[in-house]
């Protein structure tokens, strides 16, 4: 007799698999926004709209990526960078770079993507006009730079999924499979 969906969801190994799928979704979102950054960097215009577009895509990538490594409440899966990237110093360095960027710019606003300085123009008469001078500094190479990181993440998550499927299958005494197929149309891989 096949257990009901409700009964299956109570099995610890199935719960672990479901939590793993939440992490996979965050990583899929991060990959999507990294791909979108590739498109944005090719057509970047030095305008406020262009700056906000790059910043928005970078924000989405950094938050989606970081979500997988941060505590998200009781019973949530949190990845450990050393497990995902092993002893690959370059990938760990990139990971910490993204997490620092997340913490300093997006989560706590310590840094700004668009630093400002004040310029003063003396107007005719007796008043000054403050003119903000924006300095643009964008990581437009983020796509190529972080792509190896995401490839390793994909590999790790696939291996973890296979191990979780095996454990869950053994627990309930029936093989469990997940659909798989080609990458989404927006992914280069």
C-alpha atoms as a PDB file:
ATOM      1  CA  UNK A   1       0.000   0.000   0.000  1.00  0.00           C
ATOM      2  CA  UNK A   2       1.316   3.422  -0.946  1.00  0.00           C
ATOM      3  CA  UNK A   3       1.463   5.940   1.882  1.00  0.00           C
ATOM      4  CA  UNK A   4      -0.532   9.126   1.398  1.00  0.00           C
ATOM      5  CA  UNK A   5       1.180  12.418   0.593  1.00  0.00           C
ATOM      6  CA  UNK A   6       0.366  13.579   4.128  1.00  0.00           C
ATOM      7  CA  UNK A   7       2.012  10.493   5.630  1.00  0.00           C
ATOM      8  CA  UNK A   8       5.050  10.854   3.368  1.00  0.00           C
ATOM      9  CA  UNK A   9       5.548  14.480   4.369  1.00  0.00           C
ATOM     10  CA  UNK A  10       5.935  13.364   7.990  1.00  0.00           C
ATOM     11  CA  UNK A  11       8.887  11.095   7.179  1.00  0.00           C
ATOM     12  CA  UNK A  12      12.119  12.816   8.264  1.00  0.00           C
ATOM     13  CA  UNK A  13      13.995  11.821   5.113  1.00  0.00           C
ATOM     14  CA  UNK A  14      11.215  13.272   2.933  1.00  0.00           C
ATOM     15  CA  UNK A  15      11.232  16.472   5.014  1.00  0.00           C
ATOM     16  CA  UNK A  16      14.978  16.748   4.431  1.00  0.00           C
ATOM     17  CA  UNK A  17      14.441  16.344   0.706  1.00  0.00           C
ATOM     18  CA  UNK A  18      11.755  19.052   0.703  1.00  0.00           C
ATOM     19  CA  UNK A  19      14.045  21.446   2.573  1.00  0.00           C
ATOM     20  CA  UNK A  20      16.785  20.700   0.067  1.00  0.00           C
ATOM     21  CA  UNK A  21      14.411  21.676  -2.740  1.00  0.00           C
ATOM     22  CA  UNK A  22      13.960  25.102  -1.109  1.00  0.00           C
ATOM     23  CA  UNK A  23      17.726  25.624  -1.307  1.00  0.00           C
ATOM     24  CA  UNK A  24      17.694  24.440  -4.917  1.00  0.00           C
ATOM     25  CA  UNK A  25      15.044  27.045  -5.735  1.00  0.00           C
ATOM     26  CA  UNK A  26      17.168  29.827  -4.232  1.00  0.00           C
ATOM     27  CA  UNK A  27      20.159  28.670  -6.252  1.00  0.00           C
ATOM     28  CA  UNK A  28      18.043  28.507  -9.411  1.00  0.00           C
ATOM     29  CA  UNK A  29      16.944  32.089  -8.758  1.00  0.00           C
ATOM     30  CA  UNK A  30      20.556  33.162  -8.217  1.00  0.00           C
ATOM     31  CA  UNK A  31      21.583  31.521 -11.481  1.00  0.00           C
ATOM     32  CA  UNK A  32      18.724  33.243 -13.314  1.00  0.00           C
ATOM     33  CA  UNK A  33      19.737  36.683 -12.072  1.00  0.00           C
ATOM     34  CA  UNK A  34      23.389  35.988 -12.830  1.00  0.00           C
ATOM     35  CA  UNK A  35      22.325  35.210 -16.405  1.00  0.00           C
ATOM     36  CA  UNK A  36      20.304  38.431 -16.467  1.00  0.00           C
ATOM     37  CA  UNK A  37      23.398  40.343 -15.315  1.00  0.00           C
ATOM     38  CA  UNK A  38      25.193  38.986 -18.365  1.00  0.00           C
ATOM     39  CA  UNK A  39      22.515  40.518 -20.595  1.00  0.00           C
ATOM     40  CA  UNK A  40      22.508  43.782 -18.655  1.00  0.00           C
ATOM     41  CA  UNK A  41      26.281  44.208 -18.835  1.00  0.00           C
ATOM     42  CA  UNK A  42      26.195  43.874 -22.632  1.00  0.00           C
ATOM     43  CA  UNK A  43      23.702  46.711 -23.023  1.00  0.00           C
ATOM     44  CA  UNK A  44      24.674  48.887 -20.053  1.00  0.00           C
ATOM     45  CA  UNK A  45      23.963  52.577 -20.449  1.00  0.00           C
ATOM     46  CA  UNK A  46      25.507  55.131 -18.097  1.00  0.00           C
ATOM     47  CA  UNK A  47      22.203  56.526 -16.879  1.00  0.00           C
ATOM     48  CA  UNK A  48      20.366  56.333 -13.588  1.00  0.00           C
ATOM     49  CA  UNK A  49      18.033  53.772 -15.147  1.00  0.00           C
ATOM     50  CA  UNK A  50      21.028  51.731 -16.263  1.00  0.00           C
ATOM     51  CA  UNK A  51      22.550  51.946 -12.791  1.00  0.00           C
ATOM     52  CA  UNK A  52      19.316  50.843 -11.138  1.00  0.00           C
ATOM     53  CA  UNK A  53      18.937  47.968 -13.577  1.00  0.00           C
ATOM     54  CA  UNK A  54      22.419  46.650 -12.808  1.00  0.00           C
ATOM     55  CA  UNK A  55      21.927  47.217  -9.092  1.00  0.00           C
ATOM     56  CA  UNK A  56      18.570  45.413  -9.111  1.00  0.00           C
ATOM     57  CA  UNK A  57      19.947  42.361 -10.864  1.00  0.00           C
ATOM     58  CA  UNK A  58      22.977  42.293  -8.605  1.00  0.00           C
ATOM     59  CA  UNK A  59      20.724  42.630  -5.542  1.00  0.00           C
ATOM     60  CA  UNK A  60      18.573  39.735  -6.726  1.00  0.00           C
ATOM     61  CA  UNK A  61      21.613  37.543  -7.413  1.00  0.00           C
ATOM     62  CA  UNK A  62      23.324  38.305  -4.099  1.00  0.00           C
ATOM     63  CA  UNK A  63      20.182  37.829  -1.983  1.00  0.00           C
ATOM     64  CA  UNK A  64      19.142  34.610  -3.761  1.00  0.00           C
ATOM     65  CA  UNK A  65      22.648  33.187  -3.469  1.00  0.00           C
ATOM     66  CA  UNK A  66      23.126  34.252   0.139  1.00  0.00           C
ATOM     67  CA  UNK A  67      19.780  32.847   1.270  1.00  0.00           C
ATOM     68  CA  UNK A  68      21.158  29.322   0.918  1.00  0.00           C
ATOM     69  CA  UNK A  69      23.940  29.994   3.421  1.00  0.00           C
ATOM     70  CA  UNK A  70      22.078  31.913   6.120  1.00  0.00           C
ATOM     71  CA  UNK A  71      19.933  30.706   8.976  1.00  0.00           C
ATOM     72  CA  UNK A  72      16.316  30.842   7.899  1.00  0.00           C
ATOM     73  CA  UNK A  73      14.471  29.593  10.914  1.00  0.00           C
ATOM     74  CA  UNK A  74      13.907  26.313  12.648  1.00  0.00           C
ATOM     75  CA  UNK A  75      14.046  23.261  10.451  1.00  0.00           C
ATOM     76  CA  UNK A  76      15.529  25.027   7.434  1.00  0.00           C
ATOM     77  CA  UNK A  77      18.506  23.730   5.520  1.00  0.00           C
ATOM     78  CA  UNK A  78      21.582  25.931   5.601  1.00  0.00           C
ATOM     79  CA  UNK A  79      24.543  25.159   3.398  1.00  0.00           C
ATOM     80  CA  UNK A  80      28.086  25.398   4.688  1.00  0.00           C
ATOM     81  CA  UNK A  81      30.529  26.890   2.168  1.00  0.00           C
ATOM     82  CA  UNK A  82      33.259  24.411   3.111  1.00  0.00           C
ATOM     83  CA  UNK A  83      30.944  21.525   2.232  1.00  0.00           C
ATOM     84  CA  UNK A  84      29.902  23.050  -1.088  1.00  0.00           C
ATOM     85  CA  UNK A  85      33.303  24.310  -2.257  1.00  0.00           C
ATOM     86  CA  UNK A  86      35.614  22.002  -0.336  1.00  0.00           C
ATOM     87  CA  UNK A  87      39.123  23.369  -0.075  1.00  0.00           C
ATOM     88  CA  UNK A  88      38.971  25.330  -3.332  1.00  0.00           C
ATOM     89  CA  UNK A  89      40.432  28.619  -2.081  1.00  0.00           C
ATOM     90  CA  UNK A  90      39.332  30.608  -5.136  1.00  0.00           C
ATOM     91  CA  UNK A  91      35.688  29.511  -4.893  1.00  0.00           C
ATOM     92  CA  UNK A  92      35.642  30.118  -1.142  1.00  0.00           C
ATOM     93  CA  UNK A  93      37.097  33.581  -1.720  1.00  0.00           C
ATOM     94  CA  UNK A  94      34.327  34.336  -4.253  1.00  0.00           C
ATOM     95  CA  UNK A  95      31.701  33.023  -1.840  1.00  0.00           C
ATOM     96  CA  UNK A  96      32.941  35.288   0.959  1.00  0.00           C
ATOM     97  CA  UNK A  97      33.099  38.210  -1.463  1.00  0.00           C
ATOM     98  CA  UNK A  98      29.421  37.742  -2.360  1.00  0.00           C
ATOM     99  CA  UNK A  99      28.402  37.316   1.282  1.00  0.00           C
ATOM    100  CA  UNK A 100      30.356  40.420   2.336  1.00  0.00           C
ATOM    101  CA  UNK A 101      28.760  42.341  -0.504  1.00  0.00           C
ATOM    102  CA  UNK A 102      25.345  41.128   0.659  1.00  0.00           C
ATOM    103  CA  UNK A 103      26.019  42.101   4.252  1.00  0.00           C
ATOM    104  CA  UNK A 104      27.667  45.464   3.615  1.00  0.00           C
ATOM    105  CA  UNK A 105      25.611  46.791   0.729  1.00  0.00           C
ATOM    106  CA  UNK A 106      22.219  45.156   0.679  1.00  0.00           C
ATOM    107  CA  UNK A 107      21.479  43.935   4.196  1.00  0.00           C
ATOM    108  CA  UNK A 108      23.043  46.761   6.186  1.00  0.00           C
ATOM    109  CA  UNK A 109      23.721  49.527   3.669  1.00  0.00           C
ATOM    110  CA  UNK A 110      27.317  50.039   4.789  1.00  0.00           C
ATOM    111  CA  UNK A 111      28.462  50.468   1.195  1.00  0.00           C
ATOM    112  CA  UNK A 112      26.768  52.062  -1.745  1.00  0.00           C
ATOM    113  CA  UNK A 113      26.988  50.938  -5.325  1.00  0.00           C
ATOM    114  CA  UNK A 114      26.776  54.579  -6.358  1.00  0.00           C
ATOM    115  CA  UNK A 115      28.926  56.688  -4.044  1.00  0.00           C
ATOM    116  CA  UNK A 116      28.164  60.379  -4.098  1.00  0.00           C
ATOM    117  CA  UNK A 117      30.208  63.456  -3.544  1.00  0.00           C
ATOM    118  CA  UNK A 118      28.916  66.962  -3.281  1.00  0.00           C
ATOM    119  CA  UNK A 119      29.938  69.577  -5.783  1.00  0.00           C
ATOM    120  CA  UNK A 120      29.108  73.203  -5.253  1.00  0.00           C
ATOM    121  CA  UNK A 121      28.152  75.685  -7.890  1.00  0.00           C
ATOM    122  CA  UNK A 122      28.096  79.345  -7.029  1.00  0.00           C
ATOM    123  CA  UNK A 123      24.945  80.844  -8.437  1.00  0.00           C
ATOM    124  CA  UNK A 124      24.433  84.460  -9.260  1.00  0.00           C
ATOM    125  CA  UNK A 125      23.340  86.036  -6.074  1.00  0.00           C
ATOM    126  CA  UNK A 126      24.044  84.940  -2.563  1.00  0.00           C
ATOM    127  CA  UNK A 127      23.235  81.223  -2.491  1.00  0.00           C
ATOM    128  CA  UNK A 128      25.003  77.959  -3.335  1.00  0.00           C
ATOM    129  CA  UNK A 129      23.544  74.988  -5.153  1.00  0.00           C
ATOM    130  CA  UNK A 130      24.674  71.504  -4.113  1.00  0.00           C
ATOM    131  CA  UNK A 131      25.083  69.254  -7.104  1.00  0.00           C
ATOM    132  CA  UNK A 132      25.500  65.540  -6.323  1.00  0.00           C
ATOM    133  CA  UNK A 133      28.298  63.971  -8.324  1.00  0.00           C
ATOM    134  CA  UNK A 134      27.709  60.275  -8.805  1.00  0.00           C
ATOM    135  CA  UNK A 135      30.509  57.797  -9.316  1.00  0.00           C
ATOM    136  CA  UNK A 136      29.498  54.574 -10.996  1.00  0.00           C
ATOM    137  CA  UNK A 137      31.376  51.408 -10.171  1.00  0.00           C
ATOM    138  CA  UNK A 138      29.677  48.206 -11.304  1.00  0.00           C
ATOM    139  CA  UNK A 139      30.897  44.620 -11.266  1.00  0.00           C
ATOM    140  CA  UNK A 140      29.866  44.098 -14.885  1.00  0.00           C
ATOM    141  CA  UNK A 141      32.135  41.055 -15.099  1.00  0.00           C
ATOM    142  CA  UNK A 142      30.080  39.237 -12.446  1.00  0.00           C
ATOM    143  CA  UNK A 143      28.638  36.719 -14.898  1.00  0.00           C
ATOM    144  CA  UNK A 144      31.943  35.225 -16.005  1.00  0.00           C
ATOM    145  CA  UNK A 145      33.495  35.702 -12.617  1.00  0.00           C
ATOM    146  CA  UNK A 146      30.835  33.862 -10.574  1.00  0.00           C
ATOM    147  CA  UNK A 147      29.925  31.240 -13.136  1.00  0.00           C
ATOM    148  CA  UNK A 148      32.420  28.628 -11.780  1.00  0.00           C
ATOM    149  CA  UNK A 149      31.002  29.182  -8.310  1.00  0.00           C
ATOM    150  CA  UNK A 150      27.490  28.425  -9.537  1.00  0.00           C
ATOM    151  CA  UNK A 151      28.668  25.358 -11.471  1.00  0.00           C
ATOM    152  CA  UNK A 152      30.188  23.925  -8.303  1.00  0.00           C
ATOM    153  CA  UNK A 153      27.017  24.780  -6.388  1.00  0.00           C
ATOM    154  CA  UNK A 154      24.937  22.934  -9.002  1.00  0.00           C
ATOM    155  CA  UNK A 155      27.204  19.889  -8.784  1.00  0.00           C
ATOM    156  CA  UNK A 156      27.049  19.849  -4.982  1.00  0.00           C
ATOM    157  CA  UNK A 157      23.262  20.213  -4.901  1.00  0.00           C
ATOM    158  CA  UNK A 158      22.788  17.426  -7.454  1.00  0.00           C
ATOM    159  CA  UNK A 159      24.986  15.039  -5.451  1.00  0.00           C
ATOM    160  CA  UNK A 160      23.175  15.994  -2.239  1.00  0.00           C
ATOM    161  CA  UNK A 161      19.788  15.471  -3.920  1.00  0.00           C
ATOM    162  CA  UNK A 162      20.809  12.002  -5.082  1.00  0.00           C
ATOM    163  CA  UNK A 163      21.942  11.063  -1.557  1.00  0.00           C
ATOM    164  CA  UNK A 164      18.691  12.388  -0.045  1.00  0.00           C
ATOM    165  CA  UNK A 165      16.606  10.513  -2.622  1.00  0.00           C
ATOM    166  CA  UNK A 166      18.458   7.303  -1.813  1.00  0.00           C
ATOM    167  CA  UNK A 167      17.915   7.712   1.946  1.00  0.00           C
ATOM    168  CA  UNK A 168      14.232   8.551   1.509  1.00  0.00           C
ATOM    169  CA  UNK A 169      13.754   5.593  -0.847  1.00  0.00           C
ATOM    170  CA  UNK A 170      15.374   3.238   1.644  1.00  0.00           C
ATOM    171  CA  UNK A 171      13.238   4.619   4.469  1.00  0.00           C
ATOM    172  CA  UNK A 172       9.888   4.053   2.756  1.00  0.00           C
ATOM    173  CA  UNK A 173      10.938   0.919   0.859  1.00  0.00           C
ATOM    174  CA  UNK A 174      10.179   2.303  -2.589  1.00  0.00           C
ATOM    175  CA  UNK A 175      12.303   4.131  -5.131  1.00  0.00           C
ATOM    176  CA  UNK A 176      11.698   7.870  -5.227  1.00  0.00           C
ATOM    177  CA  UNK A 177      12.655   9.870  -8.292  1.00  0.00           C
ATOM    178  CA  UNK A 178      12.591  13.545  -9.127  1.00  0.00           C
ATOM    179  CA  UNK A 179      12.010  14.909 -12.595  1.00  0.00           C
ATOM    180  CA  UNK A 180      15.131  16.059 -14.367  1.00  0.00           C
ATOM    181  CA  UNK A 181      15.851  17.428 -17.764  1.00  0.00           C
ATOM    182  CA  UNK A 182      17.747  20.056 -19.668  1.00  0.00           C
ATOM    183  CA  UNK A 183      18.562  23.365 -18.002  1.00  0.00           C
ATOM    184  CA  UNK A 184      15.996  26.160 -18.358  1.00  0.00           C
ATOM    185  CA  UNK A 185      16.152  28.169 -21.575  1.00  0.00           C
ATOM    186  CA  UNK A 186      17.719  31.132 -19.769  1.00  0.00           C
ATOM    187  CA  UNK A 187      20.671  29.119 -18.498  1.00  0.00           C
ATOM    188  CA  UNK A 188      23.875  28.838 -20.524  1.00  0.00           C
ATOM    189  CA  UNK A 189      24.648  25.389 -19.196  1.00  0.00           C
END
